[in-house]
N, C-alpha and C. Protein backbone atom coordinates (compact mmCIF):
# COMPACT_ATOMS: atom_id res chain seq x y z
N MET A 1 -10.31 -116.35 130.35
CA MET A 1 -10.88 -116.29 129.10
C MET A 1 -11.04 -114.70 128.72
N ASN A 2 -11.38 -113.92 129.60
CA ASN A 2 -11.54 -112.47 129.43
C ASN A 2 -10.08 -111.93 129.03
N ARG A 3 -9.13 -112.45 129.76
CA ARG A 3 -7.79 -111.91 129.49
C ARG A 3 -7.29 -112.19 128.14
N VAL A 4 -7.61 -113.29 127.61
CA VAL A 4 -7.24 -113.79 126.27
C VAL A 4 -8.08 -112.94 125.18
N LEU A 5 -9.30 -112.58 125.52
CA LEU A 5 -10.08 -111.76 124.62
C LEU A 5 -9.50 -110.39 124.65
N VAL A 6 -9.16 -109.83 125.81
CA VAL A 6 -8.48 -108.56 125.92
C VAL A 6 -7.22 -108.44 125.06
N LEU A 7 -6.32 -109.37 125.25
CA LEU A 7 -5.11 -109.40 124.53
C LEU A 7 -5.36 -109.59 123.02
N ALA A 8 -6.28 -110.39 122.70
CA ALA A 8 -6.67 -110.45 121.14
C ALA A 8 -7.06 -109.08 120.58
N ILE A 9 -7.97 -108.38 121.35
CA ILE A 9 -8.39 -107.10 120.89
C ILE A 9 -7.20 -106.09 120.81
N ILE A 10 -6.31 -106.10 121.83
CA ILE A 10 -5.21 -105.16 121.89
C ILE A 10 -4.36 -105.43 120.63
N SER A 11 -4.07 -106.69 120.37
CA SER A 11 -3.19 -107.14 119.24
C SER A 11 -3.87 -106.67 117.93
N LEU A 12 -5.17 -106.79 117.77
CA LEU A 12 -5.72 -106.44 116.51
C LEU A 12 -5.79 -104.92 116.36
N VAL A 13 -5.86 -104.09 117.40
CA VAL A 13 -5.81 -102.66 117.40
C VAL A 13 -4.39 -102.18 117.00
N GLN A 14 -3.43 -102.85 117.70
CA GLN A 14 -2.10 -102.55 117.25
C GLN A 14 -1.79 -102.85 115.90
N TRP A 15 -2.15 -104.02 115.41
CA TRP A 15 -1.88 -104.37 114.06
C TRP A 15 -2.47 -103.35 113.06
N GLY A 16 -3.79 -102.96 113.35
CA GLY A 16 -4.50 -102.02 112.52
C GLY A 16 -3.84 -100.72 112.48
N CYS A 17 -3.12 -100.32 113.57
CA CYS A 17 -2.50 -99.01 113.70
C CYS A 17 -1.10 -98.97 113.07
N THR A 18 -0.56 -100.05 112.72
CA THR A 18 0.82 -99.98 112.07
C THR A 18 0.88 -99.33 110.76
N ASP A 19 1.94 -98.74 110.42
CA ASP A 19 2.05 -97.94 109.20
C ASP A 19 2.40 -98.96 108.06
N PRO A 20 1.57 -99.18 107.06
CA PRO A 20 1.86 -100.01 105.94
C PRO A 20 2.87 -99.40 104.95
N GLN A 21 3.18 -98.11 105.28
CA GLN A 21 3.98 -97.33 104.30
C GLN A 21 5.43 -97.37 104.68
N THR A 22 5.89 -98.35 105.36
CA THR A 22 7.27 -98.43 105.75
C THR A 22 8.10 -99.23 104.74
N ALA A 23 9.36 -98.84 104.54
CA ALA A 23 10.25 -99.57 103.59
C ALA A 23 10.48 -100.96 104.10
N GLN A 24 10.66 -101.83 103.13
CA GLN A 24 11.07 -103.24 103.39
C GLN A 24 12.54 -103.42 103.07
N PRO A 25 13.26 -104.22 103.76
CA PRO A 25 14.70 -104.50 103.35
C PRO A 25 14.75 -105.06 101.94
N ILE A 26 15.78 -104.50 101.28
CA ILE A 26 16.07 -105.14 99.96
C ILE A 26 16.91 -106.35 100.18
N VAL A 27 16.48 -107.47 99.65
CA VAL A 27 17.18 -108.77 99.68
C VAL A 27 18.12 -108.94 98.48
N LEU A 28 19.40 -108.68 98.73
CA LEU A 28 20.35 -108.71 97.60
C LEU A 28 20.42 -110.08 97.01
N GLY A 29 20.42 -110.19 95.65
CA GLY A 29 20.37 -111.47 94.95
C GLY A 29 19.10 -112.09 94.79
N GLN A 30 18.12 -111.67 95.54
CA GLN A 30 16.76 -112.23 95.45
C GLN A 30 15.73 -111.23 94.97
N ASP A 31 15.88 -109.98 95.33
CA ASP A 31 14.88 -108.96 94.89
C ASP A 31 15.29 -108.62 93.52
N GLN A 32 14.33 -108.04 92.69
CA GLN A 32 14.48 -107.73 91.30
C GLN A 32 13.98 -106.27 91.19
N CYS A 33 14.69 -105.43 90.31
CA CYS A 33 14.34 -104.24 89.97
C CYS A 33 13.04 -104.10 89.23
N GLN A 34 12.15 -103.30 89.74
CA GLN A 34 10.74 -103.13 89.20
C GLN A 34 10.76 -102.72 87.72
N LEU A 35 11.79 -101.87 87.35
CA LEU A 35 11.80 -101.32 86.04
C LEU A 35 12.70 -102.17 85.06
N CYS A 36 13.92 -102.45 85.34
CA CYS A 36 14.77 -103.11 84.35
C CYS A 36 14.77 -104.68 84.58
N ARG A 37 14.24 -105.21 85.66
CA ARG A 37 14.14 -106.54 86.03
C ARG A 37 15.48 -107.13 86.31
N MET A 38 16.52 -106.39 86.55
CA MET A 38 17.81 -106.98 86.87
C MET A 38 17.71 -107.37 88.38
N ALA A 39 18.43 -108.41 88.76
CA ALA A 39 18.62 -108.71 90.09
C ALA A 39 19.23 -107.63 90.91
N ILE A 40 18.86 -107.30 92.00
CA ILE A 40 19.44 -106.28 92.92
C ILE A 40 20.63 -106.96 93.59
N VAL A 41 21.88 -106.53 93.34
CA VAL A 41 23.06 -107.38 93.92
C VAL A 41 23.93 -106.37 94.64
N ASP A 42 23.89 -105.05 94.39
CA ASP A 42 24.79 -104.12 95.07
C ASP A 42 24.01 -103.28 96.17
N GLY A 43 24.38 -103.45 97.32
CA GLY A 43 23.63 -102.77 98.40
C GLY A 43 23.87 -101.25 98.56
N HIS A 44 24.83 -100.79 97.72
CA HIS A 44 25.11 -99.25 97.83
C HIS A 44 24.18 -98.45 97.00
N TYR A 45 23.37 -99.07 96.15
CA TYR A 45 22.51 -98.35 95.23
C TYR A 45 21.10 -98.83 95.30
N GLY A 46 20.13 -97.98 94.69
CA GLY A 46 18.77 -98.44 94.64
C GLY A 46 17.84 -97.64 95.63
N GLY A 47 16.73 -98.23 95.74
CA GLY A 47 15.62 -97.65 96.47
C GLY A 47 14.32 -98.32 96.32
N GLU A 48 13.27 -97.72 97.00
CA GLU A 48 11.96 -98.34 96.97
C GLU A 48 10.95 -97.09 96.84
N ILE A 49 9.91 -97.49 96.20
CA ILE A 49 8.69 -96.62 96.12
C ILE A 49 7.56 -97.43 96.82
N ILE A 50 6.75 -96.75 97.66
CA ILE A 50 5.66 -97.33 98.27
C ILE A 50 4.46 -96.60 97.72
N SER A 51 3.53 -97.34 97.16
CA SER A 51 2.35 -96.72 96.59
C SER A 51 1.38 -96.31 97.68
N ALA A 52 0.40 -95.57 97.27
CA ALA A 52 -0.67 -95.19 98.21
C ALA A 52 -1.48 -96.30 98.72
N LYS A 53 -1.40 -97.48 97.96
CA LYS A 53 -2.16 -98.65 98.42
C LYS A 53 -1.24 -99.64 99.17
N GLY A 54 0.06 -99.17 99.44
CA GLY A 54 0.94 -99.94 100.27
C GLY A 54 1.79 -100.92 99.49
N LYS A 55 1.79 -100.97 98.21
CA LYS A 55 2.57 -101.84 97.40
C LYS A 55 3.99 -101.35 97.34
N VAL A 56 5.03 -102.17 97.54
CA VAL A 56 6.36 -101.79 97.60
C VAL A 56 6.98 -102.17 96.27
N PHE A 57 7.63 -101.20 95.60
CA PHE A 57 8.35 -101.39 94.31
C PHE A 57 9.82 -101.23 94.63
N LYS A 58 10.68 -102.19 94.29
CA LYS A 58 12.16 -102.05 94.63
C LYS A 58 12.84 -101.83 93.32
N PHE A 59 14.00 -101.11 93.50
CA PHE A 59 14.95 -100.74 92.29
C PHE A 59 16.27 -100.91 92.52
N ASP A 60 17.12 -101.24 91.51
CA ASP A 60 18.50 -101.48 91.71
C ASP A 60 19.38 -100.25 91.56
N SER A 61 18.75 -99.12 91.17
CA SER A 61 19.51 -97.91 90.95
C SER A 61 18.45 -96.69 91.24
N ILE A 62 19.00 -95.51 91.63
CA ILE A 62 18.15 -94.32 91.68
C ILE A 62 17.61 -94.00 90.31
N GLU A 63 18.42 -94.19 89.34
CA GLU A 63 18.01 -93.93 87.92
C GLU A 63 16.74 -94.69 87.54
N CYS A 64 16.73 -96.00 87.83
CA CYS A 64 15.47 -96.80 87.50
C CYS A 64 14.31 -96.34 88.31
N LEU A 65 14.58 -96.08 89.57
CA LEU A 65 13.53 -95.52 90.45
C LEU A 65 12.87 -94.29 89.94
N LEU A 66 13.76 -93.28 89.46
CA LEU A 66 13.39 -92.11 88.82
C LEU A 66 12.49 -92.28 87.60
N ASN A 67 13.04 -93.12 86.85
CA ASN A 67 12.33 -93.37 85.48
C ASN A 67 10.88 -93.99 85.75
N PHE A 68 10.82 -94.84 86.73
CA PHE A 68 9.50 -95.38 87.14
C PHE A 68 8.61 -94.32 87.74
N ALA A 69 9.08 -93.47 88.64
CA ALA A 69 8.41 -92.44 89.18
C ALA A 69 7.86 -91.42 88.22
N ARG A 70 8.59 -91.16 87.27
CA ARG A 70 8.23 -90.15 86.12
C ARG A 70 7.21 -90.69 85.18
N SER A 71 7.24 -92.07 85.00
CA SER A 71 6.46 -92.72 83.90
C SER A 71 5.24 -93.49 84.37
N SER A 72 5.21 -93.80 85.59
CA SER A 72 4.18 -94.70 86.20
C SER A 72 2.84 -93.92 86.41
N GLN A 73 1.84 -94.57 86.38
CA GLN A 73 0.53 -94.00 86.78
C GLN A 73 0.29 -94.26 88.23
N THR A 74 1.18 -94.94 88.94
CA THR A 74 1.09 -95.31 90.32
C THR A 74 1.09 -94.05 91.16
N GLU A 75 0.18 -93.97 92.08
CA GLU A 75 0.11 -92.83 93.08
C GLU A 75 1.18 -93.25 94.24
N ILE A 76 2.22 -92.36 94.27
CA ILE A 76 3.37 -92.61 95.22
C ILE A 76 3.01 -92.07 96.55
N GLN A 77 3.29 -92.84 97.53
CA GLN A 77 3.06 -92.44 98.93
C GLN A 77 4.38 -92.02 99.56
N SER A 78 5.46 -92.90 99.36
CA SER A 78 6.73 -92.63 99.92
C SER A 78 7.85 -93.13 98.99
N VAL A 79 8.92 -92.50 99.12
CA VAL A 79 10.15 -92.86 98.32
C VAL A 79 11.37 -93.03 99.35
N TYR A 80 12.06 -94.17 99.23
CA TYR A 80 13.29 -94.41 100.03
C TYR A 80 14.40 -94.59 99.11
N LEU A 81 15.66 -94.11 99.47
CA LEU A 81 16.90 -94.32 98.68
C LEU A 81 17.89 -95.03 99.50
N VAL A 82 18.67 -95.85 98.95
CA VAL A 82 19.77 -96.53 99.73
C VAL A 82 20.86 -95.54 100.00
N ASP A 83 21.22 -95.56 101.26
CA ASP A 83 22.33 -94.75 101.75
C ASP A 83 23.75 -95.33 101.23
N PHE A 84 24.41 -94.69 100.37
CA PHE A 84 25.55 -95.17 99.72
C PHE A 84 26.61 -95.59 100.75
N LEU A 85 26.74 -94.95 101.84
CA LEU A 85 27.81 -95.19 102.79
C LEU A 85 27.35 -96.34 103.75
N ARG A 86 26.09 -96.65 103.88
CA ARG A 86 25.50 -97.67 104.66
C ARG A 86 24.70 -98.63 103.94
N PRO A 87 25.30 -99.44 103.16
CA PRO A 87 24.49 -100.42 102.25
C PRO A 87 23.45 -101.16 102.98
N GLY A 88 22.28 -101.11 102.34
CA GLY A 88 21.07 -101.75 102.86
C GLY A 88 20.25 -100.85 103.71
N THR A 89 20.85 -99.64 104.12
CA THR A 89 20.03 -98.75 104.85
C THR A 89 19.18 -97.73 103.97
N LEU A 90 17.95 -97.61 104.29
CA LEU A 90 17.06 -96.81 103.34
C LEU A 90 16.79 -95.53 104.03
N LEU A 91 16.94 -94.37 103.34
CA LEU A 91 16.69 -93.09 103.75
C LEU A 91 15.40 -92.52 103.09
N LYS A 92 14.61 -91.81 103.77
CA LYS A 92 13.56 -91.12 103.12
C LYS A 92 14.10 -90.05 102.15
N ALA A 93 13.56 -90.15 100.97
CA ALA A 93 14.14 -89.33 99.79
C ALA A 93 14.14 -87.93 100.10
N GLU A 94 13.07 -87.43 100.71
CA GLU A 94 13.00 -85.99 100.97
C GLU A 94 14.10 -85.41 101.81
N GLY A 95 14.65 -86.27 102.66
CA GLY A 95 15.77 -85.90 103.53
C GLY A 95 17.20 -86.23 102.98
N ALA A 96 17.33 -86.98 101.96
CA ALA A 96 18.57 -87.40 101.41
C ALA A 96 19.23 -86.30 100.59
N VAL A 97 20.57 -86.56 100.62
CA VAL A 97 21.37 -85.64 99.72
C VAL A 97 21.96 -86.42 98.60
N LEU A 98 21.77 -86.07 97.38
CA LEU A 98 22.25 -86.86 96.28
C LEU A 98 23.32 -86.09 95.52
N ARG A 99 24.08 -86.86 94.80
CA ARG A 99 25.16 -86.39 93.97
C ARG A 99 25.52 -87.48 92.89
N ARG A 100 26.01 -86.93 91.83
CA ARG A 100 26.59 -87.87 90.79
C ARG A 100 28.01 -88.23 91.22
N SER A 101 28.34 -89.49 91.10
CA SER A 101 29.70 -89.97 91.67
C SER A 101 30.38 -90.73 90.46
N PRO A 102 31.16 -89.98 89.68
CA PRO A 102 31.87 -90.56 88.55
C PRO A 102 32.68 -91.81 88.96
N GLY A 103 33.18 -91.91 90.09
CA GLY A 103 33.96 -93.01 90.49
C GLY A 103 33.12 -94.17 90.86
N GLN A 104 31.87 -94.08 91.02
CA GLN A 104 30.89 -95.10 91.47
C GLN A 104 29.80 -95.18 90.37
N ALA A 105 30.00 -95.79 89.31
CA ALA A 105 29.00 -95.78 88.14
C ALA A 105 27.65 -96.38 88.50
N GLY A 106 27.60 -97.42 89.42
CA GLY A 106 26.38 -98.05 89.80
C GLY A 106 25.88 -99.00 88.69
N PRO A 107 24.72 -99.66 88.97
CA PRO A 107 24.14 -100.63 88.05
C PRO A 107 23.70 -100.10 86.73
N MET A 108 23.24 -98.94 86.61
CA MET A 108 22.88 -98.30 85.35
C MET A 108 23.87 -97.39 84.78
N GLY A 109 24.92 -97.16 85.51
CA GLY A 109 25.92 -96.30 84.80
C GLY A 109 26.05 -94.85 85.03
N ALA A 110 24.92 -94.23 85.70
CA ALA A 110 24.78 -92.86 85.84
C ALA A 110 25.54 -92.33 87.14
N GLY A 111 25.75 -93.21 88.04
CA GLY A 111 26.47 -92.80 89.27
C GLY A 111 25.69 -91.91 90.16
N LEU A 112 24.43 -91.99 90.19
CA LEU A 112 23.64 -91.17 91.13
C LEU A 112 23.59 -91.95 92.48
N VAL A 113 23.99 -91.31 93.56
CA VAL A 113 24.03 -91.92 94.86
C VAL A 113 23.38 -90.98 95.79
N ALA A 114 22.97 -91.57 97.01
CA ALA A 114 22.32 -90.87 98.07
C ALA A 114 23.10 -90.94 99.37
N PHE A 115 23.05 -89.94 100.15
CA PHE A 115 23.74 -89.87 101.46
C PHE A 115 22.80 -89.31 102.52
N ALA A 116 23.09 -89.58 103.72
CA ALA A 116 22.27 -89.09 104.82
C ALA A 116 22.41 -87.51 105.12
N SER A 117 23.63 -87.07 104.76
CA SER A 117 23.88 -85.65 105.00
C SER A 117 24.77 -85.09 103.94
N ALA A 118 24.86 -83.77 103.89
CA ALA A 118 25.78 -83.04 102.99
C ALA A 118 27.25 -83.28 103.33
N LYS A 119 27.56 -83.39 104.72
CA LYS A 119 28.82 -83.61 105.09
C LYS A 119 29.35 -84.98 104.63
N GLU A 120 28.45 -86.04 104.68
CA GLU A 120 28.83 -87.26 104.27
C GLU A 120 29.03 -87.31 102.77
N ALA A 121 28.23 -86.61 102.03
CA ALA A 121 28.26 -86.49 100.50
C ALA A 121 29.58 -85.79 100.18
N LEU A 122 30.03 -84.77 100.92
CA LEU A 122 31.20 -84.10 100.56
C LEU A 122 32.51 -84.86 101.11
N GLY A 123 32.31 -85.94 101.82
CA GLY A 123 33.45 -86.57 102.35
C GLY A 123 34.19 -87.36 101.25
N LEU A 124 33.69 -87.62 100.16
CA LEU A 124 34.33 -88.41 99.16
C LEU A 124 35.24 -87.45 98.35
N ALA A 125 36.58 -87.38 98.89
CA ALA A 125 37.46 -86.43 98.34
C ALA A 125 37.58 -86.39 96.87
N GLU A 126 37.61 -87.50 96.18
CA GLU A 126 37.78 -87.51 94.78
C GLU A 126 36.66 -86.88 93.99
N GLU A 127 35.55 -86.45 94.71
CA GLU A 127 34.38 -85.93 94.05
C GLU A 127 34.05 -84.59 94.48
N GLU A 128 35.01 -83.82 95.04
CA GLU A 128 34.65 -82.53 95.72
C GLU A 128 33.96 -81.49 94.77
N THR A 129 34.22 -81.76 93.36
CA THR A 129 33.67 -80.73 92.48
C THR A 129 32.32 -81.11 92.11
N GLN A 130 31.72 -82.24 92.39
CA GLN A 130 30.37 -82.68 92.04
C GLN A 130 29.33 -82.00 92.96
N PRO A 131 28.33 -81.28 92.28
CA PRO A 131 27.34 -80.57 93.10
C PRO A 131 26.44 -81.57 93.86
N LEU A 132 25.80 -81.03 94.84
CA LEU A 132 24.82 -81.83 95.68
C LEU A 132 23.45 -81.37 95.24
N PHE A 133 22.49 -82.30 95.45
CA PHE A 133 21.10 -82.07 95.05
C PHE A 133 20.20 -82.60 96.10
N GLY A 134 18.97 -82.07 96.10
CA GLY A 134 17.90 -82.52 97.00
C GLY A 134 17.10 -83.42 96.16
N TRP A 135 16.25 -84.29 96.71
CA TRP A 135 15.41 -85.21 95.93
C TRP A 135 14.51 -84.49 94.97
N GLN A 136 13.85 -83.44 95.43
CA GLN A 136 12.91 -82.75 94.41
C GLN A 136 13.62 -82.17 93.09
N ALA A 137 14.80 -81.72 93.25
CA ALA A 137 15.56 -81.23 92.23
C ALA A 137 15.90 -82.40 91.12
N VAL A 138 16.19 -83.50 91.65
CA VAL A 138 16.48 -84.69 90.87
C VAL A 138 15.23 -85.19 90.19
N LEU A 139 14.11 -85.27 90.99
CA LEU A 139 12.85 -85.72 90.50
C LEU A 139 12.38 -84.87 89.43
N ASP A 140 12.45 -83.57 89.58
CA ASP A 140 11.94 -82.55 88.56
C ASP A 140 12.87 -82.39 87.39
N GLY A 141 14.09 -82.97 87.37
CA GLY A 141 15.00 -82.89 86.33
C GLY A 141 15.84 -81.55 86.36
N THR A 142 15.78 -80.77 87.44
CA THR A 142 16.50 -79.50 87.41
C THR A 142 17.95 -79.76 87.98
N ALA A 143 18.25 -80.92 88.51
CA ALA A 143 19.67 -81.13 89.02
C ALA A 143 20.45 -81.62 87.69
N LYS A 144 21.59 -80.94 87.57
CA LYS A 144 22.39 -81.23 86.32
C LYS A 144 23.85 -81.83 86.83
């Protein structure tokens, strides 16, 4: 009996210590963009915003995510972007490298994509002339 009680207490403590601010997998064909309400169907694009209250908002493109972040009254805790080279993998926005990709228009047509590193972003030979940006420059509108 005591053993069961101890295990229950440990489980509750562990549950209470888990981070509610983690990204959730985007379910293609089922999840919907918070901004434009389109079904999320391409795993190369998109992202998530997690509010300070732990609510997860999913987006079909970085452009929709940016528009939501700039216009919403939601207090943002975390932002994740889909890694273009690893569909379905979410990167913390602060560490991601972004670029416009004319050859990859994406759901909203702006071609804004995220990569895990500058080396990977520069690996797309047809886009060598496209500049790289950090998340803050894109969010602030200073990335051109």
